[in-house]
Amino acid sequence: MTPRDFEQFLKLSQDELSDKSNPEKIRAFVEWCKKNNMEELILRLSSEDKGGWGKNCFLDFSTTRMIVSKKNFFRKFADLGYIAGFAPYPYKLTTKNWNNPSPKGIRKQAMITPEDLTSNSENIHIWYSQIEDFALRKGVETTIRNMLGTMIKANFITVKTSSEIYNFVIPVNKNGNFNELHFWLSIVLPFNIPA
Protein backbone atom coordinates (compact mmCIF):
# COMPACT_ATOMS: atom_id res chain seq x y z
CA MET A 1 0.00 0.00 0.00
CA THR A 2 1.27 3.42 -0.87
CA PRO A 3 0.62 6.64 1.06
CA ARG A 4 -1.70 7.64 -1.80
CA ASP A 5 -3.78 4.44 -1.33
CA PHE A 6 -4.06 5.16 2.40
CA GLU A 7 -5.11 8.73 1.62
CA GLN A 8 -7.81 7.37 -0.69
CA PHE A 9 -9.06 5.06 2.07
CA LEU A 10 -9.29 8.01 4.48
CA LYS A 11 -11.13 10.21 1.97
CA LEU A 12 -13.69 7.50 1.22
CA SER A 13 -14.14 6.46 4.84
CA GLN A 14 -13.67 9.64 6.86
CA ASP A 15 -17.35 10.27 7.63
CA GLU A 16 -18.07 6.68 8.56
CA LEU A 17 -14.90 6.28 10.68
CA SER A 18 -15.18 9.48 12.74
CA ASP A 19 -17.43 8.00 15.41
CA LYS A 20 -16.03 4.45 15.42
CA SER A 21 -13.80 2.82 18.01
CA ASN A 22 -10.21 1.82 17.18
CA PRO A 23 -11.09 -1.86 16.61
CA GLU A 24 -13.91 -0.84 14.27
CA LYS A 25 -11.52 1.42 12.33
CA ILE A 26 -9.03 -1.44 11.95
CA ARG A 27 -11.81 -3.81 10.85
CA ALA A 28 -13.07 -1.24 8.30
CA PHE A 29 -9.51 -0.85 6.98
CA VAL A 30 -9.13 -4.63 6.57
CA GLU A 31 -12.46 -4.86 4.74
CA TRP A 32 -11.56 -1.93 2.46
CA CYS A 33 -8.21 -3.58 1.59
CA LYS A 34 -9.95 -6.87 0.77
CA LYS A 35 -12.61 -5.13 -1.33
CA ASN A 36 -9.89 -3.34 -3.32
CA ASN A 37 -7.68 -6.45 -3.67
CA MET A 38 -4.87 -4.95 -1.61
CA GLU A 39 -2.88 -7.05 0.78
CA GLU A 40 -1.66 -5.01 3.72
CA LEU A 41 0.14 -6.02 6.91
CA ILE A 42 -1.97 -5.36 9.99
CA LEU A 43 -0.42 -6.96 13.06
CA ARG A 44 2.97 -8.38 14.08
CA LEU A 45 3.70 -10.72 16.96
CA SER A 46 7.09 -11.88 18.18
CA SER A 47 7.70 -15.57 18.82
CA GLU A 48 10.73 -16.96 20.60
CA ASP A 49 12.06 -20.03 22.36
CA LYS A 50 14.57 -20.34 25.19
CA GLY A 51 14.41 -16.71 26.29
CA GLY A 52 15.28 -15.43 22.84
CA TRP A 53 18.28 -17.69 22.23
CA GLY A 54 16.35 -20.43 20.42
CA LYS A 55 13.99 -20.27 17.45
CA ASN A 56 12.95 -16.64 16.95
CA CYS A 57 10.49 -15.39 14.37
CA PHE A 58 7.91 -12.75 13.57
CA LEU A 59 4.30 -13.66 12.90
CA ASP A 60 2.89 -11.07 10.52
CA PHE A 61 -0.86 -11.07 9.97
CA SER A 62 -1.97 -9.44 6.73
CA THR A 63 -5.42 -9.05 5.27
CA THR A 64 -5.12 -12.45 3.53
CA ARG A 65 -2.43 -14.57 5.19
CA MET A 66 -0.07 -15.21 8.05
CA ILE A 67 3.64 -14.83 7.27
CA VAL A 68 6.29 -16.42 9.48
CA SER A 69 9.71 -14.81 9.08
CA LYS A 70 12.93 -15.70 10.86
CA LYS A 71 14.48 -12.87 12.88
CA ASN A 72 18.05 -11.94 12.08
CA PHE A 73 20.45 -11.53 14.99
CA PHE A 74 19.86 -7.78 15.54
CA ARG A 75 16.08 -7.97 15.11
CA LYS A 76 15.89 -10.40 18.04
CA PHE A 77 16.36 -7.36 20.25
CA ALA A 78 14.54 -4.56 18.40
CA ASP A 79 11.84 -4.28 15.77
CA LEU A 80 11.91 -0.84 14.20
CA GLY A 81 8.71 0.44 12.71
CA TYR A 82 6.00 -1.54 14.49
CA ILE A 83 4.33 0.21 17.40
CA ALA A 84 2.32 -1.91 19.81
CA GLY A 85 2.37 -4.71 17.23
CA PHE A 86 0.56 -2.73 14.52
CA ALA A 87 1.89 -2.05 11.05
CA PRO A 88 2.22 1.70 10.31
CA TYR A 89 -1.13 2.37 8.60
CA PRO A 90 -3.33 0.44 11.05
CA TYR A 91 -1.45 2.09 13.91
CA LYS A 92 -2.10 5.52 12.42
CA LEU A 93 -5.84 4.74 12.56
CA THR A 94 -5.60 4.33 16.35
CA THR A 95 -3.95 7.71 16.99
CA LYS A 96 -5.54 11.11 17.67
CA ASN A 97 -4.56 12.37 14.20
CA TRP A 98 -5.94 9.31 12.41
CA ASN A 99 -7.64 11.37 9.70
CA ASN A 100 -4.42 13.14 8.63
CA PRO A 101 -3.29 11.21 5.54
CA SER A 102 0.27 12.51 5.77
CA PRO A 103 2.77 9.65 6.01
CA LYS A 104 4.91 11.97 8.17
CA GLY A 105 6.28 10.06 11.10
CA ILE A 106 6.25 6.73 9.26
CA ARG A 107 9.82 5.64 8.69
CA LYS A 108 10.71 4.30 5.30
CA GLN A 109 12.14 1.10 6.82
CA ALA A 110 8.78 0.53 8.53
CA MET A 111 6.97 0.30 5.21
CA ILE A 112 7.36 -3.45 4.82
CA THR A 113 5.05 -5.17 2.35
CA PRO A 114 3.90 -8.80 2.38
CA GLU A 115 5.94 -9.28 -0.80
CA ASP A 116 9.09 -8.11 1.02
CA LEU A 117 8.53 -10.77 3.67
CA THR A 118 7.73 -13.62 1.29
CA SER A 119 10.67 -12.89 -1.03
CA ASN A 120 12.97 -14.68 1.44
CA SER A 121 12.80 -18.43 0.76
CA GLU A 122 13.27 -19.22 4.49
CA ASN A 123 10.01 -17.47 5.37
CA ILE A 124 6.71 -19.28 5.09
CA HIS A 125 3.22 -18.01 4.52
CA ILE A 126 -0.11 -19.61 5.28
CA TRP A 127 -3.22 -18.36 3.51
CA TYR A 128 -6.14 -17.97 5.91
CA SER A 129 -8.19 -20.26 3.65
CA GLN A 130 -5.65 -23.07 4.31
CA ILE A 131 -5.92 -22.85 8.11
CA GLU A 132 -8.02 -25.69 9.49
CA ASP A 133 -7.50 -24.82 13.15
CA PHE A 134 -6.06 -21.76 14.89
CA ALA A 135 -5.66 -22.01 18.66
CA LEU A 136 -4.48 -19.34 21.05
CA ARG A 137 -3.76 -20.88 24.45
CA LYS A 138 -2.95 -19.22 27.76
CA GLY A 139 0.47 -20.39 28.96
CA VAL A 140 -0.45 -21.37 32.50
CA GLU A 141 2.58 -23.70 32.66
CA THR A 142 4.85 -20.62 32.29
CA THR A 143 3.43 -19.00 35.44
CA ILE A 144 5.92 -17.34 37.78
CA ARG A 145 5.07 -16.63 41.39
CA ASN A 146 7.05 -14.27 43.62
CA MET A 147 6.56 -11.63 46.32
CA LEU A 148 5.03 -9.22 43.79
CA GLY A 149 2.39 -11.64 42.57
CA THR A 150 1.76 -14.09 39.77
CA MET A 151 2.55 -13.64 36.09
CA ILE A 152 2.29 -15.74 32.95
CA LYS A 153 5.51 -15.46 30.88
CA ALA A 154 4.21 -16.79 27.54
CA ASN A 155 1.14 -17.81 25.60
CA PHE A 156 0.97 -20.26 22.71
CA ILE A 157 -0.39 -20.25 19.17
CA THR A 158 -0.96 -23.45 17.21
CA VAL A 159 -1.82 -23.27 13.53
CA LYS A 160 -2.97 -26.42 11.77
CA THR A 161 -3.22 -26.83 8.00
CA SER A 162 -3.98 -30.02 6.07
CA SER A 163 -0.24 -30.78 5.75
CA GLU A 164 1.46 -29.22 8.79
CA ILE A 165 1.12 -28.10 12.40
CA TYR A 166 3.00 -24.97 13.51
CA ASN A 167 3.59 -24.13 17.18
CA PHE A 168 4.68 -20.72 18.41
CA VAL A 169 5.65 -19.41 21.87
CA ILE A 170 4.40 -15.83 22.27
CA PRO A 171 6.18 -14.00 25.15
CA VAL A 172 3.89 -11.75 27.17
CA ASN A 173 6.57 -9.08 27.70
CA LYS A 174 6.80 -8.43 23.92
CA ASN A 175 3.21 -9.08 22.81
CA GLY A 176 0.85 -8.27 25.66
CA ASN A 177 -1.30 -10.48 27.82
CA PHE A 178 -3.66 -13.22 26.65
CA ASN A 179 -6.79 -11.04 26.59
CA GLU A 180 -5.08 -8.36 24.47
CA LEU A 181 -3.76 -11.00 22.05
CA HIS A 182 -7.15 -12.65 21.73
CA PHE A 183 -8.89 -9.32 21.22
CA TRP A 184 -6.64 -8.01 18.42
CA LEU A 185 -6.29 -11.36 16.65
CA SER A 186 -10.09 -11.68 16.59
CA ILE A 187 -10.26 -8.24 14.92
CA VAL A 188 -7.67 -9.15 12.24
CA LEU A 189 -8.39 -12.80 11.46
CA PRO A 190 -11.36 -13.77 9.28
CA PHE A 191 -12.39 -16.67 11.53
CA ASN A 192 -13.46 -17.15 15.12
CA ILE A 193 -10.76 -17.81 17.74
CA PRO A 194 -12.01 -19.81 20.74
CA ALA A 195 -11.16 -18.13 24.05
C-alpha atoms as a PDB file:
ATOM      1  CA  MET A   1       0.000   0.000   0.000  1.00  0.00           C
ATOM      2  CA  THR A   2       1.267   3.417  -0.873  1.00  0.00           C
ATOM      3  CA  PRO A   3       0.618   6.639   1.059  1.00  0.00           C
ATOM      4  CA  ARG A   4      -1.705   7.635  -1.804  1.00  0.00           C
ATOM      5  CA  ASP A   5      -3.779   4.441  -1.326  1.00  0.00           C
ATOM      6  CA  PHE A   6      -4.060   5.164   2.398  1.00  0.00           C
ATOM      7  CA  GLU A   7      -5.113   8.730   1.625  1.00  0.00           C
ATOM      8  CA  GLN A   8      -7.807   7.373  -0.690  1.00  0.00           C
ATOM      9  CA  PHE A   9      -9.055   5.059   2.072  1.00  0.00           C
ATOM     10  CA  LEU A  10      -9.290   8.007   4.481  1.00  0.00           C
ATOM     11  CA  LYS A  11     -11.134  10.210   1.972  1.00  0.00           C
ATOM     12  CA  LEU A  12     -13.690   7.498   1.217  1.00  0.00           C
ATOM     13  CA  SER A  13     -14.142   6.462   4.841  1.00  0.00           C
ATOM     14  CA  GLN A  14     -13.667   9.638   6.862  1.00  0.00           C
ATOM     15  CA  ASP A  15     -17.349  10.270   7.633  1.00  0.00           C
ATOM     16  CA  GLU A  16     -18.070   6.681   8.563  1.00  0.00           C
ATOM     17  CA  LEU A  17     -14.896   6.283  10.684  1.00  0.00           C
ATOM     18  CA  SER A  18     -15.177   9.478  12.737  1.00  0.00           C
ATOM     19  CA  ASP A  19     -17.435   8.000  15.413  1.00  0.00           C
ATOM     20  CA  LYS A  20     -16.025   4.454  15.421  1.00  0.00           C
ATOM     21  CA  SER A  21     -13.802   2.817  18.012  1.00  0.00           C
ATOM     22  CA  ASN A  22     -10.211   1.823  17.180  1.00  0.00           C
ATOM     23  CA  PRO A  23     -11.087  -1.859  16.615  1.00  0.00           C
ATOM     24  CA  GLU A  24     -13.913  -0.837  14.272  1.00  0.00           C
ATOM     25  CA  LYS A  25     -11.517   1.419  12.329  1.00  0.00           C
ATOM     26  CA  ILE A  26      -9.030  -1.444  11.948  1.00  0.00           C
ATOM     27  CA  ARG A  27     -11.809  -3.811  10.850  1.00  0.00           C
ATOM     28  CA  ALA A  28     -13.068  -1.238   8.299  1.00  0.00           C
ATOM     29  CA  PHE A  29      -9.508  -0.845   6.979  1.00  0.00           C
ATOM     30  CA  VAL A  30      -9.128  -4.626   6.575  1.00  0.00           C
ATOM     31  CA  GLU A  31     -12.458  -4.864   4.742  1.00  0.00           C
ATOM     32  CA  TRP A  32     -11.563  -1.933   2.462  1.00  0.00           C
ATOM     33  CA  CYS A  33      -8.214  -3.579   1.587  1.00  0.00           C
ATOM     34  CA  LYS A  34      -9.953  -6.874   0.767  1.00  0.00           C
ATOM     35  CA  LYS A  35     -12.608  -5.127  -1.328  1.00  0.00           C
ATOM     36  CA  ASN A  36      -9.892  -3.336  -3.317  1.00  0.00           C
ATOM     37  CA  ASN A  37      -7.679  -6.455  -3.667  1.00  0.00           C
ATOM     38  CA  MET A  38      -4.871  -4.950  -1.606  1.00  0.00           C
ATOM     39  CA  GLU A  39      -2.881  -7.050   0.779  1.00  0.00           C
ATOM     40  CA  GLU A  40      -1.656  -5.012   3.721  1.00  0.00           C
ATOM     41  CA  LEU A  41       0.138  -6.021   6.909  1.00  0.00           C
ATOM     42  CA  ILE A  42      -1.967  -5.362   9.985  1.00  0.00           C
ATOM     43  CA  LEU A  43      -0.420  -6.961  13.059  1.00  0.00           C
ATOM     44  CA  ARG A  44       2.974  -8.380  14.080  1.00  0.00           C
ATOM     45  CA  LEU A  45       3.702 -10.724  16.962  1.00  0.00           C
ATOM     46  CA  SER A  46       7.091 -11.881  18.175  1.00  0.00           C
ATOM     47  CA  SER A  47       7.700 -15.569  18.821  1.00  0.00           C
ATOM     48  CA  GLU A  48      10.731 -16.963  20.598  1.00  0.00           C
ATOM     49  CA  ASP A  49      12.059 -20.026  22.356  1.00  0.00           C
ATOM     50  CA  LYS A  50      14.565 -20.342  25.185  1.00  0.00           C
ATOM     51  CA  GLY A  51      14.406 -16.713  26.295  1.00  0.00           C
ATOM     52  CA  GLY A  52      15.277 -15.429  22.839  1.00  0.00           C
ATOM     53  CA  TRP A  53      18.276 -17.687  22.226  1.00  0.00           C
ATOM     54  CA  GLY A  54      16.348 -20.433  20.416  1.00  0.00           C
ATOM     55  CA  LYS A  55      13.990 -20.272  17.446  1.00  0.00           C
ATOM     56  CA  ASN A  56      12.945 -16.643  16.951  1.00  0.00           C
ATOM     57  CA  CYS A  57      10.489 -15.392  14.367  1.00  0.00           C
ATOM     58  CA  PHE A  58       7.906 -12.751  13.572  1.00  0.00           C
ATOM     59  CA  LEU A  59       4.298 -13.665  12.899  1.00  0.00           C
ATOM     60  CA  ASP A  60       2.892 -11.075  10.521  1.00  0.00           C
ATOM     61  CA  PHE A  61      -0.858 -11.073   9.965  1.00  0.00           C
ATOM     62  CA  SER A  62      -1.966  -9.445   6.729  1.00  0.00           C
ATOM     63  CA  THR A  63      -5.422  -9.045   5.270  1.00  0.00           C
ATOM     64  CA  THR A  64      -5.120 -12.451   3.530  1.00  0.00           C
ATOM     65  CA  ARG A  65      -2.433 -14.570   5.185  1.00  0.00           C
ATOM     66  CA  MET A  66      -0.069 -15.207   8.052  1.00  0.00           C
ATOM     67  CA  ILE A  67       3.645 -14.828   7.275  1.00  0.00           C
ATOM     68  CA  VAL A  68       6.293 -16.425   9.482  1.00  0.00           C
ATOM     69  CA  SER A  69       9.713 -14.815   9.083  1.00  0.00           C
ATOM     70  CA  LYS A  70      12.926 -15.700  10.857  1.00  0.00           C
ATOM     71  CA  LYS A  71      14.481 -12.874  12.878  1.00  0.00           C
ATOM     72  CA  ASN A  72      18.050 -11.945  12.078  1.00  0.00           C
ATOM     73  CA  PHE A  73      20.447 -11.531  14.986  1.00  0.00           C
ATOM     74  CA  PHE A  74      19.858  -7.782  15.545  1.00  0.00           C
ATOM     75  CA  ARG A  75      16.079  -7.974  15.115  1.00  0.00           C
ATOM     76  CA  LYS A  76      15.890 -10.399  18.036  1.00  0.00           C
ATOM     77  CA  PHE A  77      16.357  -7.357  20.254  1.00  0.00           C
ATOM     78  CA  ALA A  78      14.536  -4.559  18.405  1.00  0.00           C
ATOM     79  CA  ASP A  79      11.841  -4.282  15.773  1.00  0.00           C
ATOM     80  CA  LEU A  80      11.911  -0.845  14.198  1.00  0.00           C
ATOM     81  CA  GLY A  81       8.710   0.436  12.711  1.00  0.00           C
ATOM     82  CA  TYR A  82       5.998  -1.536  14.490  1.00  0.00           C
ATOM     83  CA  ILE A  83       4.334   0.214  17.397  1.00  0.00           C
ATOM     84  CA  ALA A  84       2.316  -1.908  19.805  1.00  0.00           C
ATOM     85  CA  GLY A  85       2.366  -4.707  17.234  1.00  0.00           C
ATOM     86  CA  PHE A  86       0.560  -2.730  14.524  1.00  0.00           C
ATOM     87  CA  ALA A  87       1.891  -2.046  11.049  1.00  0.00           C
ATOM     88  CA  PRO A  88       2.221   1.702  10.313  1.00  0.00           C
ATOM     89  CA  TYR A  89      -1.134   2.366   8.597  1.00  0.00           C
ATOM     90  CA  PRO A  90      -3.332   0.440  11.051  1.00  0.00           C
ATOM     91  CA  TYR A  91      -1.450   2.089  13.911  1.00  0.00           C
ATOM     92  CA  LYS A  92      -2.104   5.525  12.423  1.00  0.00           C
ATOM     93  CA  LEU A  93      -5.838   4.739  12.557  1.00  0.00           C
ATOM     94  CA  THR A  94      -5.598   4.327  16.347  1.00  0.00           C
ATOM     95  CA  THR A  95      -3.946   7.712  16.995  1.00  0.00           C
ATOM     96  CA  LYS A  96      -5.537  11.112  17.673  1.00  0.00           C
ATOM     97  CA  ASN A  97      -4.557  12.368  14.203  1.00  0.00           C
ATOM     98  CA  TRP A  98      -5.944   9.309  12.414  1.00  0.00           C
ATOM     99  CA  ASN A  99      -7.643  11.371   9.701  1.00  0.00           C
ATOM    100  CA  ASN A 100      -4.420  13.136   8.635  1.00  0.00           C
ATOM    101  CA  PRO A 101      -3.291  11.210   5.537  1.00  0.00           C
ATOM    102  CA  SER A 102       0.269  12.513   5.772  1.00  0.00           C
ATOM    103  CA  PRO A 103       2.774   9.655   6.011  1.00  0.00           C
ATOM    104  CA  LYS A 104       4.911  11.969   8.168  1.00  0.00           C
ATOM    105  CA  GLY A 105       6.282  10.062  11.097  1.00  0.00           C
ATOM    106  CA  ILE A 106       6.247   6.728   9.264  1.00  0.00           C
ATOM    107  CA  ARG A 107       9.815   5.637   8.695  1.00  0.00           C
ATOM    108  CA  LYS A 108      10.711   4.299   5.295  1.00  0.00           C
ATOM    109  CA  GLN A 109      12.136   1.097   6.824  1.00  0.00           C
ATOM    110  CA  ALA A 110       8.775   0.528   8.533  1.00  0.00           C
ATOM    111  CA  MET A 111       6.973   0.301   5.207  1.00  0.00           C
ATOM    112  CA  ILE A 112       7.355  -3.453   4.824  1.00  0.00           C
ATOM    113  CA  THR A 113       5.046  -5.165   2.350  1.00  0.00           C
ATOM    114  CA  PRO A 114       3.904  -8.797   2.381  1.00  0.00           C
ATOM    115  CA  GLU A 115       5.939  -9.281  -0.799  1.00  0.00           C
ATOM    116  CA  ASP A 116       9.086  -8.105   1.022  1.00  0.00           C
ATOM    117  CA  LEU A 117       8.530 -10.766   3.670  1.00  0.00           C
ATOM    118  CA  THR A 118       7.728 -13.619   1.286  1.00  0.00           C
ATOM    119  CA  SER A 119      10.675 -12.891  -1.030  1.00  0.00           C
ATOM    120  CA  ASN A 120      12.968 -14.684   1.441  1.00  0.00           C
ATOM    121  CA  SER A 121      12.798 -18.427   0.764  1.00  0.00           C
ATOM    122  CA  GLU A 122      13.272 -19.216   4.494  1.00  0.00           C
ATOM    123  CA  ASN A 123      10.014 -17.471   5.368  1.00  0.00           C
ATOM    124  CA  ILE A 124       6.710 -19.282   5.088  1.00  0.00           C
ATOM    125  CA  HIS A 125       3.220 -18.010   4.515  1.00  0.00           C
ATOM    126  CA  ILE A 126      -0.108 -19.606   5.283  1.00  0.00           C
ATOM    127  CA  TRP A 127      -3.222 -18.359   3.513  1.00  0.00           C
ATOM    128  CA  TYR A 128      -6.141 -17.971   5.913  1.00  0.00           C
ATOM    129  CA  SER A 129      -8.191 -20.256   3.647  1.00  0.00           C
ATOM    130  CA  GLN A 130      -5.654 -23.066   4.312  1.00  0.00           C
ATOM    131  CA  ILE A 131      -5.920 -22.853   8.108  1.00  0.00           C
ATOM    132  CA  GLU A 132      -8.023 -25.692   9.495  1.00  0.00           C
ATOM    133  CA  ASP A 133      -7.503 -24.819  13.151  1.00  0.00           C
ATOM    134  CA  PHE A 134      -6.060 -21.757  14.892  1.00  0.00           C
ATOM    135  CA  ALA A 135      -5.656 -22.014  18.655  1.00  0.00           C
ATOM    136  CA  LEU A 136      -4.480 -19.344  21.047  1.00  0.00           C
ATOM    137  CA  ARG A 137      -3.757 -20.879  24.447  1.00  0.00           C
ATOM    138  CA  LYS A 138      -2.954 -19.221  27.760  1.00  0.00           C
ATOM    139  CA  GLY A 139       0.468 -20.387  28.959  1.00  0.00           C
ATOM    140  CA  VAL A 140      -0.450 -21.373  32.503  1.00  0.00           C
ATOM    141  CA  GLU A 141       2.579 -23.698  32.659  1.00  0.00           C
ATOM    142  CA  THR A 142       4.850 -20.622  32.294  1.00  0.00           C
ATOM    143  CA  THR A 143       3.426 -18.995  35.439  1.00  0.00           C
ATOM    144  CA  ILE A 144       5.922 -17.337  37.777  1.00  0.00           C
ATOM    145  CA  ARG A 145       5.073 -16.633  41.393  1.00  0.00           C
ATOM    146  CA  ASN A 146       7.045 -14.273  43.616  1.00  0.00           C
ATOM    147  CA  MET A 147       6.556 -11.626  46.316  1.00  0.00           C
ATOM    148  CA  LEU A 148       5.031  -9.217  43.790  1.00  0.00           C
ATOM    149  CA  GLY A 149       2.393 -11.638  42.567  1.00  0.00           C
ATOM    150  CA  THR A 150       1.760 -14.091  39.769  1.00  0.00           C
ATOM    151  CA  MET A 151       2.546 -13.639  36.090  1.00  0.00           C
ATOM    152  CA  ILE A 152       2.293 -15.735  32.948  1.00  0.00           C
ATOM    153  CA  LYS A 153       5.508 -15.455  30.883  1.00  0.00           C
ATOM    154  CA  ALA A 154       4.212 -16.786  27.543  1.00  0.00           C
ATOM    155  CA  ASN A 155       1.136 -17.812  25.600  1.00  0.00           C
ATOM    156  CA  PHE A 156       0.970 -20.264  22.711  1.00  0.00           C
ATOM    157  CA  ILE A 157      -0.387 -20.248  19.174  1.00  0.00           C
ATOM    158  CA  THR A 158      -0.956 -23.446  17.213  1.00  0.00           C
ATOM    159  CA  VAL A 159      -1.825 -23.268  13.525  1.00  0.00           C
ATOM    160  CA  LYS A 160      -2.973 -26.425  11.774  1.00  0.00           C
ATOM    161  CA  THR A 161      -3.217 -26.832   8.002  1.00  0.00           C
ATOM    162  CA  SER A 162      -3.979 -30.021   6.067  1.00  0.00           C
ATOM    163  CA  SER A 163      -0.242 -30.783   5.752  1.00  0.00           C
ATOM    164  CA  GLU A 164       1.460 -29.223   8.792  1.00  0.00           C
ATOM    165  CA  ILE A 165       1.121 -28.104  12.400  1.00  0.00           C
ATOM    166  CA  TYR A 166       2.998 -24.974  13.513  1.00  0.00           C
ATOM    167  CA  ASN A 167       3.586 -24.135  17.179  1.00  0.00           C
ATOM    168  CA  PHE A 168       4.683 -20.715  18.415  1.00  0.00           C
ATOM    169  CA  VAL A 169       5.654 -19.407  21.868  1.00  0.00           C
ATOM    170  CA  ILE A 170       4.405 -15.832  22.272  1.00  0.00           C
ATOM    171  CA  PRO A 171       6.176 -13.999  25.146  1.00  0.00           C
ATOM    172  CA  VAL A 172       3.891 -11.748  27.173  1.00  0.00           C
ATOM    173  CA  ASN A 173       6.571  -9.075  27.700  1.00  0.00           C
ATOM    174  CA  LYS A 174       6.798  -8.433  23.919  1.00  0.00           C
ATOM    175  CA  ASN A 175       3.211  -9.076  22.807  1.00  0.00           C
ATOM    176  CA  GLY A 176       0.851  -8.273  25.660  1.00  0.00           C
ATOM    177  CA  ASN A 177      -1.302 -10.481  27.825  1.00  0.00           C
ATOM    178  CA  PHE A 178      -3.665 -13.222  26.651  1.00  0.00           C
ATOM    179  CA  ASN A 179      -6.792 -11.039  26.589  1.00  0.00           C
ATOM    180  CA  GLU A 180      -5.079  -8.356  24.472  1.00  0.00           C
ATOM    181  CA  LEU A 181      -3.762 -10.995  22.047  1.00  0.00           C
ATOM    182  CA  HIS A 182      -7.148 -12.650  21.726  1.00  0.00           C
ATOM    183  CA  PHE A 183      -8.894  -9.323  21.222  1.00  0.00           C
ATOM    184  CA  TRP A 184      -6.645  -8.013  18.425  1.00  0.00           C
ATOM    185  CA  LEU A 185      -6.294 -11.360  16.652  1.00  0.00           C
ATOM    186  CA  SER A 186     -10.086 -11.685  16.593  1.00  0.00           C
ATOM    187  CA  ILE A 187     -10.257  -8.236  14.920  1.00  0.00           C
ATOM    188  CA  VAL A 188      -7.672  -9.147  12.240  1.00  0.00           C
ATOM    189  CA  LEU A 189      -8.393 -12.802  11.460  1.00  0.00           C
ATOM    190  CA  PRO A 190     -11.364 -13.771   9.278  1.00  0.00           C
ATOM    191  CA  PHE A 191     -12.387 -16.669  11.534  1.00  0.00           C
ATOM    192  CA  ASN A 192     -13.460 -17.150  15.118  1.00  0.00           C
ATOM    193  CA  ILE A 193     -10.761 -17.811  17.742  1.00  0.00           C
ATOM    194  CA  PRO A 194     -12.013 -19.808  20.744  1.00  0.00           C
ATOM    195  CA  ALA A 195     -11.157 -18.130  24.053  1.00  0.00           C
END
